[in-house]
All heavy atoms as atom14 arrays in JSON, in Angstrom:
{
  "sequence": "AYVHAVQMGWGIGVAPELQVRPLLASGALVALRPEV",
  "atom14_mask": [
    [1, 1, 1, 1, 1, 0, 0, 0, 0, 0, 0, 0, 0, 0],
    [1, 1, 1, 1, 1, 1, 1, 1, 1, 1, 1, 1, 0, 0],
    [1, 1, 1, 1, 1, 1, 1, 0, 0, 0, 0, 0, 0, 0],
    [1, 1, 1, 1, 1, 1, 1, 1, 1, 1, 0, 0, 0, 0],
    [1, 1, 1, 1, 1, 0, 0, 0, 0, 0, 0, 0, 0, 0],
    [1, 1, 1, 1, 1, 1, 1, 0, 0, 0, 0, 0, 0, 0],
    [1, 1, 1, 1, 1, 1, 1, 1, 1, 0, 0, 0, 0, 0],
    [1, 1, 1, 1, 1, 1, 1, 1, 0, 0, 0, 0, 0, 0],
    [1, 1, 1, 1, 0, 0, 0, 0, 0, 0, 0, 0, 0, 0],
    [1, 1, 1, 1, 1, 1, 1, 1, 1, 1, 1, 1, 1, 1],
    [1, 1, 1, 1, 0, 0, 0, 0, 0, 0, 0, 0, 0, 0],
    [1, 1, 1, 1, 1, 1, 1, 1, 0, 0, 0, 0, 0, 0],
    [1, 1, 1, 1, 0, 0, 0, 0, 0, 0, 0, 0, 0, 0],
    [1, 1, 1, 1, 1, 1, 1, 0, 0, 0, 0, 0, 0, 0],
    [1, 1, 1, 1, 1, 0, 0, 0, 0, 0, 0, 0, 0, 0],
    [1, 1, 1, 1, 1, 1, 1, 0, 0, 0, 0, 0, 0, 0],
    [1, 1, 1, 1, 1, 1, 1, 1, 1, 0, 0, 0, 0, 0],
    [1, 1, 1, 1, 1, 1, 1, 1, 0, 0, 0, 0, 0, 0],
    [1, 1, 1, 1, 1, 1, 1, 1, 1, 0, 0, 0, 0, 0],
    [1, 1, 1, 1, 1, 1, 1, 0, 0, 0, 0, 0, 0, 0],
    [1, 1, 1, 1, 1, 1, 1, 1, 1, 1, 1, 0, 0, 0],
    [1, 1, 1, 1, 1, 1, 1, 0, 0, 0, 0, 0, 0, 0],
    [1, 1, 1, 1, 1, 1, 1, 1, 0, 0, 0, 0, 0, 0],
    [1, 1, 1, 1, 1, 1, 1, 1, 0, 0, 0, 0, 0, 0],
    [1, 1, 1, 1, 1, 0, 0, 0, 0, 0, 0, 0, 0, 0],
    [1, 1, 1, 1, 1, 1, 0, 0, 0, 0, 0, 0, 0, 0],
    [1, 1, 1, 1, 0, 0, 0, 0, 0, 0, 0, 0, 0, 0],
    [1, 1, 1, 1, 1, 0, 0, 0, 0, 0, 0, 0, 0, 0],
    [1, 1, 1, 1, 1, 1, 1, 1, 0, 0, 0, 0, 0, 0],
    [1, 1, 1, 1, 1, 1, 1, 0, 0, 0, 0, 0, 0, 0],
    [1, 1, 1, 1, 1, 0, 0, 0, 0, 0, 0, 0, 0, 0],
    [1, 1, 1, 1, 1, 1, 1, 1, 0, 0, 0, 0, 0, 0],
    [1, 1, 1, 1, 1, 1, 1, 1, 1, 1, 1, 0, 0, 0],
    [1, 1, 1, 1, 1, 1, 1, 0, 0, 0, 0, 0, 0, 0],
    [1, 1, 1, 1, 1, 1, 1, 1, 1, 0, 0, 0, 0, 0],
    [1, 1, 1, 1, 1, 1, 1, 0, 0, 0, 0, 0, 0, 0]
  ],
  "atom14_positions": [
    [[42.65, 122.2, 69.48], [41.34, 122.81, 69.6], [40.33, 122.19, 68.61], [39.14, 122.09, 68.91], [41.46, 124.3, 69.31], [0.0, 0.0, 0.0], [0.0, 0.0, 0.0], [0.0, 0.0, 0.0], [0.0, 0.0, 0.0], [0.0, 0.0, 0.0], [0.0, 0.0, 0.0], [0.0, 0.0, 0.0], [0.0, 0.0, 0.0], [0.0, 0.0, 0.0]],
    [[40.83, 121.73, 67.48], [39.96, 121.06, 66.5], [39.31, 119.83, 67.13], [38.08, 119.66, 67.06], [40.82, 120.67, 65.3], [40.08, 120.01, 64.17], [39.69, 120.75, 63.06], [39.81, 118.65, 64.15], [39.03, 120.13, 61.99], [39.15, 118.03, 63.11], [38.76, 118.78, 62.04], [38.09, 118.2, 60.98], [0.0, 0.0, 0.0], [0.0, 0.0, 0.0]],
    [[40.1, 118.98, 67.75], [39.56, 117.77, 68.37], [38.63, 118.14, 69.53], [37.6, 117.51, 69.74], [40.7, 116.85, 68.79], [40.15, 115.67, 69.6], [41.48, 116.34, 67.58], [0.0, 0.0, 0.0], [0.0, 0.0, 0.0], [0.0, 0.0, 0.0], [0.0, 0.0, 0.0], [0.0, 0.0, 0.0], [0.0, 0.0, 0.0], [0.0, 0.0, 0.0]],
    [[39.02, 119.15, 70.28], [38.18, 119.59, 71.39], [36.83, 120.09, 70.88], [35.78, 119.8, 71.47], [38.87, 120.72, 72.16], [38.2, 121.08, 73.44], [38.38, 122.29, 74.07], [37.36, 120.38, 74.23], [37.65, 122.32, 75.18], [37.03, 121.18, 75.29], [0.0, 0.0, 0.0], [0.0, 0.0, 0.0], [0.0, 0.0, 0.0], [0.0, 0.0, 0.0]],
    [[36.83, 120.81, 69.76], [35.58, 121.3, 69.19], [34.69, 120.14, 68.72], [33.47, 120.19, 68.83], [35.87, 122.25, 68.02], [0.0, 0.0, 0.0], [0.0, 0.0, 0.0], [0.0, 0.0, 0.0], [0.0, 0.0, 0.0], [0.0, 0.0, 0.0], [0.0, 0.0, 0.0], [0.0, 0.0, 0.0], [0.0, 0.0, 0.0], [0.0, 0.0, 0.0]],
    [[35.33, 119.09, 68.2], [34.55, 117.9, 67.79], [33.89, 117.28, 69.04], [32.71, 116.93, 69.02], [35.42, 116.86, 67.09], [34.61, 115.62, 66.76], [36.01, 117.45, 65.79], [0.0, 0.0, 0.0], [0.0, 0.0, 0.0], [0.0, 0.0, 0.0], [0.0, 0.0, 0.0], [0.0, 0.0, 0.0], [0.0, 0.0, 0.0], [0.0, 0.0, 0.0]],
    [[34.63, 117.18, 70.16], [34.08, 116.66, 71.38], [32.9, 117.49, 71.88], [31.93, 116.96, 72.44], [35.15, 116.65, 72.5], [36.22, 115.58, 72.31], [37.21, 115.61, 73.46], [38.3, 116.22, 73.35], [36.83, 115.02, 74.56], [0.0, 0.0, 0.0], [0.0, 0.0, 0.0], [0.0, 0.0, 0.0], [0.0, 0.0, 0.0], [0.0, 0.0, 0.0]],
    [[33.0, 118.81, 71.68], [31.91, 119.7, 72.14], [30.7, 119.68, 71.24], [29.68, 120.31, 71.55], [32.45, 121.14, 72.25], [33.57, 121.32, 73.28], [34.37, 122.94, 73.17], [33.0, 124.01, 73.65], [0.0, 0.0, 0.0], [0.0, 0.0, 0.0], [0.0, 0.0, 0.0], [0.0, 0.0, 0.0], [0.0, 0.0, 0.0], [0.0, 0.0, 0.0]],
    [[30.79, 118.97, 70.11], [29.64, 118.85, 69.23], [29.52, 119.95, 68.23], [28.46, 120.16, 67.66], [0.0, 0.0, 0.0], [0.0, 0.0, 0.0], [0.0, 0.0, 0.0], [0.0, 0.0, 0.0], [0.0, 0.0, 0.0], [0.0, 0.0, 0.0], [0.0, 0.0, 0.0], [0.0, 0.0, 0.0], [0.0, 0.0, 0.0], [0.0, 0.0, 0.0]],
    [[30.64, 120.64, 67.91], [30.59, 121.72, 66.94], [30.39, 121.2, 65.53], [29.96, 121.93, 64.65], [31.88, 122.54, 67.0], [31.93, 123.5, 68.14], [31.27, 123.4, 69.33], [32.71, 124.69, 68.19], [31.59, 124.45, 70.13], [32.47, 125.28, 69.46], [33.57, 125.31, 67.32], [33.05, 126.46, 69.84], [34.17, 126.5, 67.69], [33.9, 127.08, 68.96]],
    [[30.77, 119.96, 65.28], [30.6, 119.41, 63.94], [31.35, 118.11, 63.8], [31.95, 117.59, 64.78], [0.0, 0.0, 0.0], [0.0, 0.0, 0.0], [0.0, 0.0, 0.0], [0.0, 0.0, 0.0], [0.0, 0.0, 0.0], [0.0, 0.0, 0.0], [0.0, 0.0, 0.0], [0.0, 0.0, 0.0], [0.0, 0.0, 0.0], [0.0, 0.0, 0.0]],
    [[31.33, 117.57, 62.58], [32.03, 116.36, 62.26], [33.49, 116.71, 61.95], [33.78, 117.69, 61.28], [31.4, 115.69, 61.06], [29.95, 115.27, 61.36], [32.18, 114.46, 60.6], [29.14, 114.86, 60.15], [0.0, 0.0, 0.0], [0.0, 0.0, 0.0], [0.0, 0.0, 0.0], [0.0, 0.0, 0.0], [0.0, 0.0, 0.0], [0.0, 0.0, 0.0]],
    [[34.41, 115.91, 62.47], [35.83, 116.14, 62.21], [36.44, 114.98, 61.45], [35.97, 113.84, 61.56], [0.0, 0.0, 0.0], [0.0, 0.0, 0.0], [0.0, 0.0, 0.0], [0.0, 0.0, 0.0], [0.0, 0.0, 0.0], [0.0, 0.0, 0.0], [0.0, 0.0, 0.0], [0.0, 0.0, 0.0], [0.0, 0.0, 0.0], [0.0, 0.0, 0.0]],
    [[37.46, 115.28, 60.67], [38.28, 114.25, 60.03], [39.67, 114.47, 60.61], [40.36, 115.42, 60.25], [38.27, 114.35, 58.5], [39.16, 113.26, 57.89], [36.84, 114.23, 57.97], [0.0, 0.0, 0.0], [0.0, 0.0, 0.0], [0.0, 0.0, 0.0], [0.0, 0.0, 0.0], [0.0, 0.0, 0.0], [0.0, 0.0, 0.0], [0.0, 0.0, 0.0]],
    [[40.07, 113.61, 61.53], [41.27, 113.82, 62.34], [42.18, 112.61, 62.29], [41.75, 111.53, 61.91], [40.84, 114.11, 63.78], [0.0, 0.0, 0.0], [0.0, 0.0, 0.0], [0.0, 0.0, 0.0], [0.0, 0.0, 0.0], [0.0, 0.0, 0.0], [0.0, 0.0, 0.0], [0.0, 0.0, 0.0], [0.0, 0.0, 0.0], [0.0, 0.0, 0.0]],
    [[43.43, 112.79, 62.68], [44.35, 111.64, 62.73], [43.87, 110.59, 63.71], [43.51, 110.91, 64.87], [45.68, 112.26, 63.2], [45.58, 113.69, 62.89], [44.12, 114.04, 63.04], [0.0, 0.0, 0.0], [0.0, 0.0, 0.0], [0.0, 0.0, 0.0], [0.0, 0.0, 0.0], [0.0, 0.0, 0.0], [0.0, 0.0, 0.0], [0.0, 0.0, 0.0]],
    [[43.81, 109.34, 63.25], [43.41, 108.25, 64.15], [44.31, 108.2, 65.38], [43.85, 107.9, 66.49], [43.44, 106.92, 63.37], [42.83, 105.75, 64.12], [43.8, 105.04, 65.01], [45.03, 105.17, 64.77], [43.38, 104.36, 65.96], [0.0, 0.0, 0.0], [0.0, 0.0, 0.0], [0.0, 0.0, 0.0], [0.0, 0.0, 0.0], [0.0, 0.0, 0.0]],
    [[45.58, 108.48, 65.19], [46.55, 108.49, 66.28], [46.11, 109.48, 67.38], [46.27, 109.22, 68.57], [47.92, 108.85, 65.75], [49.07, 108.98, 66.72], [49.33, 107.65, 67.42], [50.34, 109.46, 66.0], [0.0, 0.0, 0.0], [0.0, 0.0, 0.0], [0.0, 0.0, 0.0], [0.0, 0.0, 0.0], [0.0, 0.0, 0.0], [0.0, 0.0, 0.0]],
    [[45.58, 110.62, 66.99], [45.21, 111.67, 67.92], [43.91, 111.35, 68.67], [43.77, 111.67, 69.86], [45.08, 113.0, 67.19], [44.9, 114.21, 68.09], [44.87, 115.5, 67.31], [44.77, 115.5, 66.07], [45.01, 116.61, 67.99], [0.0, 0.0, 0.0], [0.0, 0.0, 0.0], [0.0, 0.0, 0.0], [0.0, 0.0, 0.0], [0.0, 0.0, 0.0]],
    [[42.94, 110.75, 67.99], [41.62, 110.53, 68.6], [41.47, 109.13, 69.19], [40.41, 108.83, 69.75], [40.51, 110.82, 67.58], [40.58, 112.27, 67.1], [40.55, 109.85, 66.41], [0.0, 0.0, 0.0], [0.0, 0.0, 0.0], [0.0, 0.0, 0.0], [0.0, 0.0, 0.0], [0.0, 0.0, 0.0], [0.0, 0.0, 0.0], [0.0, 0.0, 0.0]],
    [[42.49, 108.28, 69.06], [42.37, 106.91, 69.53], [41.92, 106.81, 70.98], [41.0, 106.04, 71.3], [43.71, 106.2, 69.31], [43.67, 104.69, 69.55], [45.08, 104.15, 69.35], [45.54, 104.36, 68.01], [46.84, 104.33, 67.65], [47.77, 104.1, 68.55], [47.21, 104.51, 66.41], [0.0, 0.0, 0.0], [0.0, 0.0, 0.0], [0.0, 0.0, 0.0]],
    [[42.5, 107.57, 71.91], [42.05, 107.47, 73.33], [40.6, 107.92, 73.5], [39.87, 107.38, 74.33], [43.01, 108.39, 74.08], [44.19, 108.55, 73.21], [43.67, 108.48, 71.79], [0.0, 0.0, 0.0], [0.0, 0.0, 0.0], [0.0, 0.0, 0.0], [0.0, 0.0, 0.0], [0.0, 0.0, 0.0], [0.0, 0.0, 0.0], [0.0, 0.0, 0.0]],
    [[40.17, 108.92, 72.73], [38.79, 109.41, 72.84], [37.8, 108.41, 72.29], [36.67, 108.31, 72.77], [38.67, 110.75, 72.12], [39.58, 111.88, 72.64], [39.5, 113.1, 71.77], [39.16, 112.22, 74.08], [0.0, 0.0, 0.0], [0.0, 0.0, 0.0], [0.0, 0.0, 0.0], [0.0, 0.0, 0.0], [0.0, 0.0, 0.0], [0.0, 0.0, 0.0]],
    [[38.2, 107.66, 71.25], [37.33, 106.6, 70.74], [37.21, 105.49, 71.77], [36.12, 104.93, 72.0], [37.89, 106.05, 69.44], [37.9, 107.0, 68.24], [38.67, 106.38, 67.06], [36.47, 107.33, 67.8], [0.0, 0.0, 0.0], [0.0, 0.0, 0.0], [0.0, 0.0, 0.0], [0.0, 0.0, 0.0], [0.0, 0.0, 0.0], [0.0, 0.0, 0.0]],
    [[38.34, 105.15, 72.44], [38.32, 104.07, 73.43], [37.45, 104.42, 74.64], [36.78, 103.56, 75.2], [39.74, 103.76, 73.88], [0.0, 0.0, 0.0], [0.0, 0.0, 0.0], [0.0, 0.0, 0.0], [0.0, 0.0, 0.0], [0.0, 0.0, 0.0], [0.0, 0.0, 0.0], [0.0, 0.0, 0.0], [0.0, 0.0, 0.0], [0.0, 0.0, 0.0]],
    [[37.44, 105.7, 75.02], [36.65, 106.13, 76.17], [35.19, 106.39, 75.85], [34.37, 106.58, 76.74], [37.26, 107.39, 76.77], [37.09, 108.5, 75.88], [0.0, 0.0, 0.0], [0.0, 0.0, 0.0], [0.0, 0.0, 0.0], [0.0, 0.0, 0.0], [0.0, 0.0, 0.0], [0.0, 0.0, 0.0], [0.0, 0.0, 0.0], [0.0, 0.0, 0.0]],
    [[34.86, 106.45, 74.56], [33.49, 106.77, 74.15], [33.2, 108.23, 74.02], [32.06, 108.63, 73.74], [0.0, 0.0, 0.0], [0.0, 0.0, 0.0], [0.0, 0.0, 0.0], [0.0, 0.0, 0.0], [0.0, 0.0, 0.0], [0.0, 0.0, 0.0], [0.0, 0.0, 0.0], [0.0, 0.0, 0.0], [0.0, 0.0, 0.0], [0.0, 0.0, 0.0]],
    [[34.22, 109.09, 74.2], [34.01, 110.53, 74.05], [33.75, 110.91, 72.62], [33.08, 111.94, 72.33], [35.22, 111.3, 74.59], [0.0, 0.0, 0.0], [0.0, 0.0, 0.0], [0.0, 0.0, 0.0], [0.0, 0.0, 0.0], [0.0, 0.0, 0.0], [0.0, 0.0, 0.0], [0.0, 0.0, 0.0], [0.0, 0.0, 0.0], [0.0, 0.0, 0.0]],
    [[34.28, 110.12, 71.67], [34.01, 110.32, 70.25], [33.6, 108.99, 69.62], [33.93, 107.92, 70.15], [35.24, 110.86, 69.52], [35.67, 112.29, 69.84], [36.96, 112.64, 69.07], [34.59, 113.29, 69.53], [0.0, 0.0, 0.0], [0.0, 0.0, 0.0], [0.0, 0.0, 0.0], [0.0, 0.0, 0.0], [0.0, 0.0, 0.0], [0.0, 0.0, 0.0]],
    [[32.91, 109.08, 68.51], [32.46, 107.91, 67.78], [32.97, 108.0, 66.34], [32.89, 109.09, 65.73], [30.94, 107.78, 67.77], [30.49, 106.59, 66.94], [30.42, 107.65, 69.22], [0.0, 0.0, 0.0], [0.0, 0.0, 0.0], [0.0, 0.0, 0.0], [0.0, 0.0, 0.0], [0.0, 0.0, 0.0], [0.0, 0.0, 0.0], [0.0, 0.0, 0.0]],
    [[33.52, 106.91, 65.81], [33.98, 106.89, 64.44], [32.78, 106.77, 63.48], [31.85, 105.97, 63.72], [34.96, 105.74, 64.2], [0.0, 0.0, 0.0], [0.0, 0.0, 0.0], [0.0, 0.0, 0.0], [0.0, 0.0, 0.0], [0.0, 0.0, 0.0], [0.0, 0.0, 0.0], [0.0, 0.0, 0.0], [0.0, 0.0, 0.0], [0.0, 0.0, 0.0]],
    [[32.79, 107.55, 62.4], [31.73, 107.5, 61.39], [32.26, 106.74, 60.19], [33.31, 107.08, 59.67], [31.33, 108.91, 60.98], [30.89, 109.85, 62.14], [30.65, 111.27, 61.59], [29.67, 109.31, 62.83], [0.0, 0.0, 0.0], [0.0, 0.0, 0.0], [0.0, 0.0, 0.0], [0.0, 0.0, 0.0], [0.0, 0.0, 0.0], [0.0, 0.0, 0.0]],
    [[31.52, 105.74, 59.78], [31.93, 104.93, 58.62], [33.42, 104.57, 58.75], [34.25, 105.0, 57.93], [31.64, 105.68, 57.31], [30.18, 106.02, 57.1], [29.94, 106.74, 55.82], [30.18, 105.89, 54.65], [29.24, 105.19, 54.02], [27.96, 105.25, 54.41], [29.55, 104.45, 52.97], [0.0, 0.0, 0.0], [0.0, 0.0, 0.0], [0.0, 0.0, 0.0]],
    [[33.77, 103.83, 59.78], [35.2, 103.57, 60.07], [35.92, 102.81, 58.96], [37.17, 102.8, 58.93], [35.15, 102.72, 61.35], [33.76, 102.17, 61.41], [32.86, 103.19, 60.74], [0.0, 0.0, 0.0], [0.0, 0.0, 0.0], [0.0, 0.0, 0.0], [0.0, 0.0, 0.0], [0.0, 0.0, 0.0], [0.0, 0.0, 0.0], [0.0, 0.0, 0.0]],
    [[35.17, 102.21, 58.02], [35.85, 101.54, 56.9], [36.42, 102.53, 55.9], [37.22, 102.17, 55.04], [34.85, 100.62, 56.18], [33.8, 101.28, 55.34], [32.62, 101.87, 56.13], [32.65, 101.8, 57.37], [31.68, 102.38, 55.48], [0.0, 0.0, 0.0], [0.0, 0.0, 0.0], [0.0, 0.0, 0.0], [0.0, 0.0, 0.0], [0.0, 0.0, 0.0]],
    [[36.0, 103.82, 56.02], [36.51, 104.85, 55.08], [37.62, 105.62, 55.78], [37.37, 106.29, 56.8], [35.37, 105.82, 54.66], [35.91, 106.86, 53.69], [34.21, 105.02, 54.03], [0.0, 0.0, 0.0], [0.0, 0.0, 0.0], [0.0, 0.0, 0.0], [0.0, 0.0, 0.0], [0.0, 0.0, 0.0], [0.0, 0.0, 0.0], [0.0, 0.0, 0.0]]
  ]
}
């Protein structure tokens, strides 16, 4: 639900890269300051 809420625009999330990797690839989420 945390990742789903981030997709819905509830706020910024700090999540496992393993979990959000497909969403980053599809453009559903965007990484913020990916060097951090």
